[in-house]
N, C-alpha and C. Protein backbone atom coordinates (compact mmCIF):
# COMPACT_ATOMS: atom_id res chain seq x y z
N UNK A 1 19.84 30.73 -5.89
CA UNK A 1 20.13 31.00 -7.27
C UNK A 1 21.62 31.24 -7.41
N UNK A 2 22.25 30.55 -8.35
CA UNK A 2 23.67 30.69 -8.57
C UNK A 2 23.90 31.15 -10.00
N UNK A 3 24.16 32.44 -10.16
CA UNK A 3 24.33 33.02 -11.48
C UNK A 3 25.76 33.49 -11.66
N UNK A 4 26.26 33.42 -12.91
CA UNK A 4 27.54 34.04 -13.25
C UNK A 4 27.28 35.53 -13.21
N UNK A 5 27.85 36.20 -12.24
CA UNK A 5 27.46 37.57 -11.91
C UNK A 5 27.67 38.58 -13.03
N UNK A 6 28.53 38.29 -13.99
CA UNK A 6 28.79 39.26 -15.04
C UNK A 6 28.09 38.94 -16.36
N UNK A 7 27.41 37.81 -16.45
CA UNK A 7 26.73 37.41 -17.68
C UNK A 7 25.31 37.98 -17.67
N UNK A 8 25.11 39.05 -18.40
CA UNK A 8 23.89 39.83 -18.36
C UNK A 8 22.65 39.05 -18.80
N UNK A 9 22.77 38.29 -19.88
CA UNK A 9 21.59 37.69 -20.51
C UNK A 9 20.92 36.60 -19.68
N UNK A 10 21.63 35.99 -18.78
CA UNK A 10 21.03 34.91 -17.98
C UNK A 10 19.95 35.43 -17.03
N UNK A 11 20.02 36.68 -16.67
CA UNK A 11 19.09 37.21 -15.68
C UNK A 11 17.65 37.26 -16.17
N UNK A 12 17.45 37.43 -17.48
CA UNK A 12 16.08 37.58 -17.99
C UNK A 12 15.26 36.30 -17.80
N UNK A 13 15.87 35.16 -18.00
CA UNK A 13 15.14 33.90 -17.80
C UNK A 13 14.71 33.71 -16.37
N UNK A 14 15.61 34.05 -15.45
CA UNK A 14 15.28 33.92 -14.04
C UNK A 14 14.19 34.92 -13.62
N UNK A 15 14.34 36.15 -14.06
CA UNK A 15 13.34 37.16 -13.66
C UNK A 15 11.97 36.83 -14.25
N UNK A 16 11.94 36.40 -15.50
CA UNK A 16 10.65 36.05 -16.11
C UNK A 16 10.03 34.83 -15.43
N UNK A 17 10.87 33.91 -14.99
CA UNK A 17 10.35 32.74 -14.27
C UNK A 17 9.70 33.15 -12.96
N UNK A 18 10.38 34.01 -12.22
CA UNK A 18 9.79 34.50 -10.97
C UNK A 18 8.49 35.25 -11.23
N UNK A 19 8.47 36.05 -12.29
CA UNK A 19 7.25 36.79 -12.60
C UNK A 19 6.12 35.82 -12.95
N UNK A 20 6.43 34.77 -13.71
CA UNK A 20 5.41 33.77 -14.05
C UNK A 20 4.95 32.97 -12.84
N UNK A 21 5.75 32.93 -11.81
CA UNK A 21 5.34 32.29 -10.56
C UNK A 21 4.54 33.24 -9.67
N UNK A 22 4.44 34.50 -10.12
CA UNK A 22 3.69 35.49 -9.35
C UNK A 22 4.52 36.25 -8.34
N UNK A 23 5.83 36.01 -8.32
CA UNK A 23 6.73 36.67 -7.37
C UNK A 23 7.35 37.90 -8.04
N UNK A 24 6.59 38.97 -8.09
CA UNK A 24 7.03 40.18 -8.78
C UNK A 24 8.20 40.86 -8.06
N UNK A 25 8.23 40.77 -6.76
CA UNK A 25 9.31 41.41 -6.00
C UNK A 25 10.66 40.78 -6.34
N UNK A 26 10.71 39.48 -6.37
CA UNK A 26 11.96 38.80 -6.71
C UNK A 26 12.32 39.04 -8.17
N UNK A 27 11.33 39.04 -9.05
CA UNK A 27 11.58 39.34 -10.47
C UNK A 27 12.20 40.72 -10.62
N UNK A 28 11.64 41.69 -9.91
CA UNK A 28 12.16 43.06 -9.99
C UNK A 28 13.59 43.15 -9.46
N UNK A 29 13.88 42.46 -8.37
CA UNK A 29 15.24 42.48 -7.81
C UNK A 29 16.25 41.97 -8.83
N UNK A 30 15.93 40.88 -9.48
CA UNK A 30 16.82 40.31 -10.49
C UNK A 30 16.95 41.26 -11.68
N UNK A 31 15.85 41.86 -12.09
CA UNK A 31 15.90 42.80 -13.21
C UNK A 31 16.74 44.03 -12.86
N UNK A 32 16.68 44.49 -11.63
CA UNK A 32 17.49 45.63 -11.22
C UNK A 32 18.98 45.30 -11.31
N UNK A 33 19.36 44.08 -10.95
CA UNK A 33 20.75 43.65 -11.08
C UNK A 33 21.14 43.67 -12.55
N UNK A 34 20.27 43.14 -13.39
CA UNK A 34 20.54 43.10 -14.82
C UNK A 34 20.69 44.52 -15.40
N UNK A 35 19.82 45.41 -15.00
CA UNK A 35 19.89 46.80 -15.48
C UNK A 35 21.21 47.44 -15.05
N UNK A 36 21.62 47.23 -13.82
CA UNK A 36 22.90 47.78 -13.35
C UNK A 36 24.06 47.25 -14.19
N UNK A 37 23.98 45.97 -14.56
CA UNK A 37 25.04 45.39 -15.39
C UNK A 37 25.05 45.98 -16.80
N UNK A 38 23.88 46.16 -17.40
CA UNK A 38 23.87 46.68 -18.78
C UNK A 38 24.28 48.14 -18.84
N UNK A 39 24.17 48.82 -17.73
CA UNK A 39 24.55 50.22 -17.70
C UNK A 39 26.00 50.41 -17.22
N UNK A 40 26.69 49.31 -16.97
CA UNK A 40 28.09 49.33 -16.54
C UNK A 40 28.96 48.99 -17.75
N UNK A 41 29.72 49.95 -18.24
CA UNK A 41 30.51 49.74 -19.46
C UNK A 41 31.50 48.60 -19.35
N UNK A 42 32.12 48.39 -18.19
CA UNK A 42 33.10 47.31 -18.09
C UNK A 42 32.43 45.94 -18.19
N UNK A 43 31.21 45.82 -17.72
CA UNK A 43 30.48 44.55 -17.83
C UNK A 43 29.95 44.35 -19.24
N UNK A 44 29.37 45.38 -19.82
CA UNK A 44 28.78 45.21 -21.15
C UNK A 44 29.82 44.89 -22.21
N UNK A 45 31.07 45.30 -22.00
CA UNK A 45 32.11 45.07 -22.99
C UNK A 45 32.76 43.70 -22.90
N UNK A 46 32.39 42.90 -21.92
CA UNK A 46 32.93 41.53 -21.83
C UNK A 46 32.44 40.71 -23.02
N UNK A 47 33.28 39.84 -23.52
CA UNK A 47 32.93 39.03 -24.69
C UNK A 47 31.64 38.23 -24.46
N UNK A 48 31.45 37.74 -23.26
CA UNK A 48 30.26 36.93 -22.96
C UNK A 48 28.96 37.72 -23.14
N UNK A 49 29.04 39.04 -23.03
CA UNK A 49 27.85 39.89 -23.17
C UNK A 49 27.70 40.49 -24.56
N UNK A 50 28.52 40.07 -25.49
CA UNK A 50 28.45 40.60 -26.85
C UNK A 50 27.78 39.62 -27.81
N UNK A 51 27.22 38.56 -27.30
CA UNK A 51 26.60 37.54 -28.15
C UNK A 51 25.16 37.90 -28.50
N UNK A 52 24.73 37.39 -29.64
CA UNK A 52 23.33 37.53 -30.02
C UNK A 52 22.48 36.69 -29.08
N UNK A 53 21.22 37.07 -28.94
CA UNK A 53 20.29 36.26 -28.16
C UNK A 53 19.18 35.81 -29.11
N UNK A 54 18.91 34.52 -29.11
CA UNK A 54 17.86 33.95 -29.95
C UNK A 54 16.69 33.57 -29.06
N UNK A 55 15.50 33.95 -29.46
CA UNK A 55 14.29 33.54 -28.78
C UNK A 55 13.55 32.59 -29.71
N UNK A 56 13.40 31.35 -29.29
CA UNK A 56 12.67 30.37 -30.07
C UNK A 56 11.26 30.30 -29.53
N UNK A 57 10.31 30.45 -30.41
CA UNK A 57 8.94 30.62 -30.01
C UNK A 57 8.12 29.43 -30.51
N UNK A 58 7.46 28.74 -29.60
CA UNK A 58 6.59 27.62 -29.95
C UNK A 58 5.25 28.18 -30.36
N UNK A 59 4.85 27.87 -31.57
CA UNK A 59 3.63 28.48 -32.11
C UNK A 59 2.35 27.76 -31.69
N UNK A 60 2.47 26.64 -31.01
CA UNK A 60 1.32 25.80 -30.66
C UNK A 60 0.61 25.23 -31.88
N UNK A 61 1.20 25.41 -33.05
CA UNK A 61 0.69 24.76 -34.25
C UNK A 61 1.61 23.56 -34.48
N UNK A 62 1.07 22.42 -34.71
CA UNK A 62 1.95 21.27 -34.85
C UNK A 62 1.45 20.33 -35.93
N UNK A 63 2.39 19.53 -36.41
CA UNK A 63 2.08 18.45 -37.32
C UNK A 63 1.94 17.18 -36.50
N UNK A 64 0.99 16.37 -36.81
CA UNK A 64 0.84 15.11 -36.11
C UNK A 64 1.32 14.02 -37.05
N UNK A 65 2.58 13.67 -36.91
CA UNK A 65 3.15 12.65 -37.78
C UNK A 65 3.57 11.48 -36.91
N UNK A 66 3.12 10.30 -37.27
CA UNK A 66 3.44 9.09 -36.51
C UNK A 66 3.10 9.26 -35.03
N UNK A 67 2.00 9.92 -34.76
CA UNK A 67 1.54 10.17 -33.40
C UNK A 67 2.53 10.99 -32.56
N UNK A 68 3.43 11.68 -33.21
CA UNK A 68 4.35 12.55 -32.49
C UNK A 68 4.10 13.98 -32.93
N UNK A 69 4.17 14.86 -32.00
CA UNK A 69 3.95 16.27 -32.32
C UNK A 69 5.28 16.91 -32.72
N UNK A 70 5.28 17.50 -33.88
CA UNK A 70 6.46 18.25 -34.31
C UNK A 70 6.07 19.72 -34.31
N UNK A 71 6.65 20.46 -33.44
CA UNK A 71 6.28 21.86 -33.28
C UNK A 71 7.05 22.74 -34.25
N UNK A 72 6.33 23.69 -34.78
CA UNK A 72 7.00 24.73 -35.57
C UNK A 72 7.58 25.75 -34.60
N UNK A 73 8.78 26.16 -34.86
CA UNK A 73 9.39 27.19 -34.03
C UNK A 73 9.72 28.41 -34.88
N UNK A 74 9.40 29.54 -34.34
CA UNK A 74 9.78 30.80 -34.95
C UNK A 74 10.86 31.39 -34.05
N UNK A 75 11.68 32.25 -34.59
CA UNK A 75 12.67 32.86 -33.71
C UNK A 75 12.83 34.33 -34.03
N UNK A 76 13.14 35.03 -33.02
CA UNK A 76 13.52 36.44 -33.15
C UNK A 76 14.93 36.54 -32.58
N UNK A 77 15.71 37.39 -33.18
CA UNK A 77 17.09 37.56 -32.74
C UNK A 77 17.26 38.99 -32.24
N UNK A 78 17.82 39.09 -31.05
CA UNK A 78 18.26 40.39 -30.55
C UNK A 78 19.76 40.42 -30.81
N UNK A 79 20.13 40.99 -31.97
CA UNK A 79 21.51 40.88 -32.41
C UNK A 79 22.36 42.11 -32.16
N UNK A 80 21.80 43.12 -31.55
CA UNK A 80 22.61 44.27 -31.17
C UNK A 80 22.43 44.51 -29.67
N UNK A 81 23.43 45.10 -29.11
CA UNK A 81 23.38 45.38 -27.68
C UNK A 81 22.21 46.30 -27.36
N UNK A 82 21.94 47.28 -28.23
CA UNK A 82 20.83 48.20 -27.97
C UNK A 82 19.48 47.49 -28.02
N UNK A 83 19.33 46.49 -28.90
CA UNK A 83 18.08 45.72 -28.92
C UNK A 83 17.91 44.97 -27.61
N UNK A 84 18.98 44.36 -27.13
CA UNK A 84 18.92 43.63 -25.86
C UNK A 84 18.59 44.58 -24.72
N UNK A 85 19.25 45.71 -24.71
CA UNK A 85 19.03 46.71 -23.67
C UNK A 85 17.57 47.18 -23.69
N UNK A 86 17.05 47.44 -24.87
CA UNK A 86 15.66 47.87 -25.02
C UNK A 86 14.71 46.81 -24.44
N UNK A 87 14.96 45.55 -24.78
CA UNK A 87 14.14 44.46 -24.25
C UNK A 87 14.19 44.43 -22.72
N UNK A 88 15.37 44.58 -22.15
CA UNK A 88 15.50 44.55 -20.69
C UNK A 88 14.76 45.72 -20.05
N UNK A 89 14.83 46.89 -20.69
CA UNK A 89 14.10 48.05 -20.17
C UNK A 89 12.59 47.83 -20.24
N UNK A 90 12.10 47.32 -21.36
CA UNK A 90 10.67 47.04 -21.48
C UNK A 90 10.24 45.98 -20.47
N UNK A 91 11.08 44.98 -20.29
CA UNK A 91 10.77 43.89 -19.38
C UNK A 91 10.61 44.38 -17.94
N UNK A 92 11.53 45.22 -17.49
CA UNK A 92 11.42 45.74 -16.11
C UNK A 92 10.27 46.74 -16.01
N UNK A 93 10.00 47.47 -17.09
CA UNK A 93 8.86 48.40 -17.08
C UNK A 93 7.56 47.63 -16.85
N UNK A 94 7.43 46.48 -17.48
CA UNK A 94 6.25 45.64 -17.28
C UNK A 94 6.13 45.22 -15.82
N UNK A 95 7.23 44.78 -15.23
CA UNK A 95 7.20 44.35 -13.83
C UNK A 95 6.81 45.51 -12.92
N UNK A 96 7.39 46.67 -13.14
CA UNK A 96 7.03 47.83 -12.33
C UNK A 96 5.56 48.21 -12.52
N UNK A 97 5.05 48.06 -13.73
CA UNK A 97 3.64 48.36 -13.97
C UNK A 97 2.76 47.41 -13.15
N UNK A 98 3.12 46.14 -13.16
CA UNK A 98 2.35 45.15 -12.38
C UNK A 98 2.44 45.42 -10.89
N UNK A 99 3.54 46.01 -10.46
CA UNK A 99 3.71 46.36 -9.04
C UNK A 99 3.01 47.68 -8.69
N UNK A 100 2.49 48.37 -9.70
CA UNK A 100 1.76 49.61 -9.45
C UNK A 100 2.64 50.85 -9.38
N UNK A 101 3.87 50.76 -9.86
CA UNK A 101 4.79 51.89 -9.80
C UNK A 101 4.88 52.54 -11.18
N UNK A 102 3.99 53.49 -11.44
CA UNK A 102 3.93 54.13 -12.75
C UNK A 102 5.17 54.98 -13.03
N UNK A 103 5.73 55.60 -12.00
CA UNK A 103 6.93 56.43 -12.18
C UNK A 103 8.08 55.61 -12.74
N UNK A 104 8.35 54.46 -12.13
CA UNK A 104 9.43 53.59 -12.60
C UNK A 104 9.08 52.99 -13.97
N UNK A 105 7.82 52.67 -14.18
CA UNK A 105 7.40 52.16 -15.49
C UNK A 105 7.76 53.16 -16.57
N UNK A 106 7.38 54.40 -16.38
CA UNK A 106 7.64 55.44 -17.37
C UNK A 106 9.14 55.71 -17.52
N UNK A 107 9.88 55.63 -16.43
CA UNK A 107 11.34 55.84 -16.48
C UNK A 107 11.99 54.82 -17.42
N UNK A 108 11.61 53.55 -17.28
CA UNK A 108 12.23 52.52 -18.11
C UNK A 108 11.70 52.52 -19.55
N UNK A 109 10.45 52.88 -19.73
CA UNK A 109 9.94 53.02 -21.10
C UNK A 109 10.68 54.14 -21.82
N UNK A 110 10.97 55.21 -21.12
CA UNK A 110 11.72 56.33 -21.71
C UNK A 110 13.14 55.90 -22.06
N UNK A 111 13.78 55.16 -21.16
CA UNK A 111 15.14 54.68 -21.45
C UNK A 111 15.14 53.81 -22.71
N UNK A 112 14.13 52.98 -22.86
CA UNK A 112 14.03 52.14 -24.06
C UNK A 112 13.84 53.02 -25.30
N UNK A 113 12.93 53.96 -25.21
CA UNK A 113 12.67 54.84 -26.36
C UNK A 113 13.87 55.70 -26.70
N UNK A 114 14.66 56.08 -25.70
CA UNK A 114 15.84 56.91 -25.93
C UNK A 114 16.94 56.18 -26.71
N UNK A 115 16.80 54.87 -26.87
CA UNK A 115 17.76 54.11 -27.67
C UNK A 115 17.54 54.32 -29.16
N UNK A 116 16.35 54.82 -29.54
CA UNK A 116 16.01 55.15 -30.93
C UNK A 116 16.26 53.98 -31.89
N UNK A 117 15.71 52.84 -31.54
CA UNK A 117 15.82 51.69 -32.43
C UNK A 117 15.01 51.94 -33.70
N UNK A 118 15.43 51.35 -34.78
CA UNK A 118 14.64 51.40 -36.01
C UNK A 118 13.37 50.59 -35.84
N UNK A 119 12.43 50.78 -36.73
CA UNK A 119 11.12 50.13 -36.56
C UNK A 119 11.21 48.60 -36.59
N UNK A 120 12.06 48.02 -37.43
CA UNK A 120 12.18 46.56 -37.47
C UNK A 120 12.78 46.01 -36.19
N UNK A 121 13.80 46.67 -35.70
CA UNK A 121 14.44 46.23 -34.45
C UNK A 121 13.48 46.35 -33.28
N UNK A 122 12.79 47.47 -33.21
CA UNK A 122 11.83 47.68 -32.12
C UNK A 122 10.69 46.66 -32.20
N UNK A 123 10.26 46.36 -33.41
CA UNK A 123 9.20 45.37 -33.60
C UNK A 123 9.64 44.01 -33.06
N UNK A 124 10.87 43.59 -33.35
CA UNK A 124 11.36 42.31 -32.84
C UNK A 124 11.41 42.29 -31.32
N UNK A 125 11.86 43.39 -30.74
CA UNK A 125 11.93 43.48 -29.28
C UNK A 125 10.52 43.36 -28.68
N UNK A 126 9.59 44.10 -29.22
CA UNK A 126 8.23 44.12 -28.66
C UNK A 126 7.52 42.79 -28.88
N UNK A 127 7.79 42.13 -29.99
CA UNK A 127 7.19 40.80 -30.19
C UNK A 127 7.64 39.84 -29.10
N UNK A 128 8.90 39.90 -28.74
CA UNK A 128 9.40 39.02 -27.66
C UNK A 128 8.74 39.39 -26.34
N UNK A 129 8.62 40.68 -26.07
CA UNK A 129 7.94 41.10 -24.84
C UNK A 129 6.49 40.61 -24.85
N UNK A 130 5.82 40.68 -25.98
CA UNK A 130 4.45 40.18 -26.06
C UNK A 130 4.37 38.68 -25.81
N UNK A 131 5.37 37.92 -26.25
CA UNK A 131 5.40 36.50 -25.93
C UNK A 131 5.50 36.30 -24.43
N UNK A 132 6.35 37.12 -23.80
CA UNK A 132 6.49 37.04 -22.34
C UNK A 132 5.18 37.38 -21.64
N UNK A 133 4.49 38.38 -22.14
CA UNK A 133 3.21 38.77 -21.56
C UNK A 133 2.20 37.63 -21.69
N UNK A 134 2.17 37.00 -22.85
CA UNK A 134 1.24 35.89 -23.05
C UNK A 134 1.56 34.73 -22.12
N UNK A 135 2.85 34.43 -21.95
CA UNK A 135 3.24 33.35 -21.02
C UNK A 135 2.83 33.71 -19.59
N UNK A 136 3.00 34.96 -19.21
CA UNK A 136 2.60 35.41 -17.89
C UNK A 136 1.09 35.30 -17.71
N UNK A 137 0.33 35.67 -18.71
CA UNK A 137 -1.13 35.57 -18.63
C UNK A 137 -1.58 34.13 -18.47
N UNK A 138 -0.89 33.21 -19.12
CA UNK A 138 -1.25 31.79 -18.99
C UNK A 138 -0.89 31.23 -17.63
N UNK A 139 0.26 31.67 -17.08
CA UNK A 139 0.69 31.12 -15.80
C UNK A 139 0.07 31.84 -14.61
N UNK A 140 -0.26 33.11 -14.80
CA UNK A 140 -0.84 33.92 -13.72
C UNK A 140 -2.04 34.70 -14.26
N UNK A 141 -3.19 34.04 -14.44
CA UNK A 141 -4.37 34.73 -14.98
C UNK A 141 -4.76 35.99 -14.20
N UNK A 142 -4.35 36.08 -12.94
CA UNK A 142 -4.68 37.26 -12.15
C UNK A 142 -4.04 38.53 -12.73
N UNK A 143 -3.02 38.38 -13.58
CA UNK A 143 -2.37 39.53 -14.20
C UNK A 143 -2.94 39.87 -15.58
N UNK A 144 -3.96 39.15 -16.02
CA UNK A 144 -4.52 39.34 -17.36
C UNK A 144 -4.93 40.79 -17.60
N UNK A 145 -5.69 41.34 -16.69
CA UNK A 145 -6.20 42.70 -16.85
C UNK A 145 -5.06 43.73 -16.89
N UNK A 146 -4.12 43.61 -15.95
CA UNK A 146 -3.01 44.57 -15.88
C UNK A 146 -2.08 44.46 -17.09
N UNK A 147 -1.82 43.24 -17.55
CA UNK A 147 -0.94 43.10 -18.70
C UNK A 147 -1.61 43.61 -19.98
N UNK A 148 -2.90 43.37 -20.10
CA UNK A 148 -3.63 43.92 -21.25
C UNK A 148 -3.64 45.45 -21.21
N UNK A 149 -3.84 45.98 -20.02
CA UNK A 149 -3.82 47.43 -19.84
C UNK A 149 -2.45 48.01 -20.22
N UNK A 150 -1.39 47.37 -19.77
CA UNK A 150 -0.02 47.78 -20.11
C UNK A 150 0.18 47.78 -21.62
N UNK A 151 -0.22 46.68 -22.25
CA UNK A 151 -0.07 46.57 -23.71
C UNK A 151 -0.83 47.62 -24.47
N UNK A 152 -2.02 47.94 -24.00
CA UNK A 152 -2.85 48.95 -24.66
C UNK A 152 -2.32 50.36 -24.42
N UNK A 153 -2.03 50.68 -23.17
CA UNK A 153 -1.55 52.02 -22.83
C UNK A 153 -0.25 52.39 -23.55
N UNK A 154 0.64 51.43 -23.65
CA UNK A 154 1.96 51.72 -24.21
C UNK A 154 2.15 51.14 -25.61
N UNK A 155 1.06 50.76 -26.25
CA UNK A 155 1.01 50.36 -27.67
C UNK A 155 1.80 49.10 -28.00
N UNK A 156 1.96 48.22 -27.04
CA UNK A 156 2.63 46.96 -27.32
C UNK A 156 1.72 45.99 -28.06
N UNK A 157 0.41 46.19 -27.97
CA UNK A 157 -0.53 45.31 -28.68
C UNK A 157 -0.61 45.65 -30.16
N UNK A 158 0.09 46.69 -30.59
CA UNK A 158 0.08 47.05 -32.00
C UNK A 158 0.91 46.09 -32.85
N UNK A 159 1.63 45.18 -32.19
CA UNK A 159 2.48 44.23 -32.89
C UNK A 159 1.82 42.86 -32.87
N UNK A 160 1.84 42.17 -34.01
CA UNK A 160 1.20 40.87 -34.12
C UNK A 160 1.91 39.84 -33.25
N UNK A 161 1.13 39.08 -32.53
CA UNK A 161 1.68 38.00 -31.71
C UNK A 161 0.90 36.74 -32.04
N UNK A 162 1.60 35.74 -32.54
CA UNK A 162 0.94 34.49 -32.89
C UNK A 162 1.37 33.35 -31.99
N UNK A 163 2.39 33.56 -31.20
CA UNK A 163 3.03 32.46 -30.51
C UNK A 163 2.78 32.53 -29.02
N UNK A 164 3.08 31.42 -28.35
CA UNK A 164 2.65 31.38 -26.96
C UNK A 164 3.73 31.19 -25.93
N UNK A 165 4.83 30.59 -26.24
CA UNK A 165 5.86 30.43 -25.23
C UNK A 165 7.21 30.70 -25.85
N UNK A 166 8.13 31.11 -25.03
CA UNK A 166 9.46 31.40 -25.57
C UNK A 166 10.54 30.83 -24.68
N UNK A 167 11.65 30.55 -25.29
CA UNK A 167 12.84 30.16 -24.58
C UNK A 167 13.97 30.98 -25.16
N UNK A 168 14.97 31.24 -24.37
CA UNK A 168 16.06 32.08 -24.82
C UNK A 168 17.37 31.30 -24.78
N UNK A 169 18.14 31.44 -25.83
CA UNK A 169 19.49 30.90 -25.86
C UNK A 169 20.42 31.96 -26.42
N UNK A 170 21.57 32.11 -25.82
CA UNK A 170 22.60 32.98 -26.39
C UNK A 170 23.36 32.17 -27.40
N UNK A 171 23.83 32.80 -28.45
CA UNK A 171 24.60 32.10 -29.47
C UNK A 171 25.97 31.72 -28.91
N UNK A 172 26.57 30.73 -29.50
CA UNK A 172 27.90 30.28 -29.05
C UNK A 172 28.99 31.10 -29.67
């Protein structure tokens, strides 16, 4: 893996990919690097890390026009650094939960909650996490029970999820 070591947002795609492959240990390692970067003021203040992140979500609803599928895409924007940070904390909390480490799960959930996001911002963050959970459930059905348990225990299922896959792009 060859990553630009100071670009924080690239790590989430890699870690989620490893998690969807069932490699939780590698996903956690990458997430730990990302967490260290977001908690480092000199890294977070770089221009490359101040961009909005757009998540485009394929709804699996499509129009069949001329025998071609045109997918509707929804998007959520993480447009503040605290929203991004909250998402990264929730993301690693999920991985730790799947690894059976409740102490670390609770530590990162607390860090996310300590950001005190408003309800709309928190809702956008959790919707993206729910998309990630759904993608993980589709790629690794063995995690279905644990991811559902995580969502129920920590109230992530309280947010509507209609979509099934996500991709992330940082704005230019």
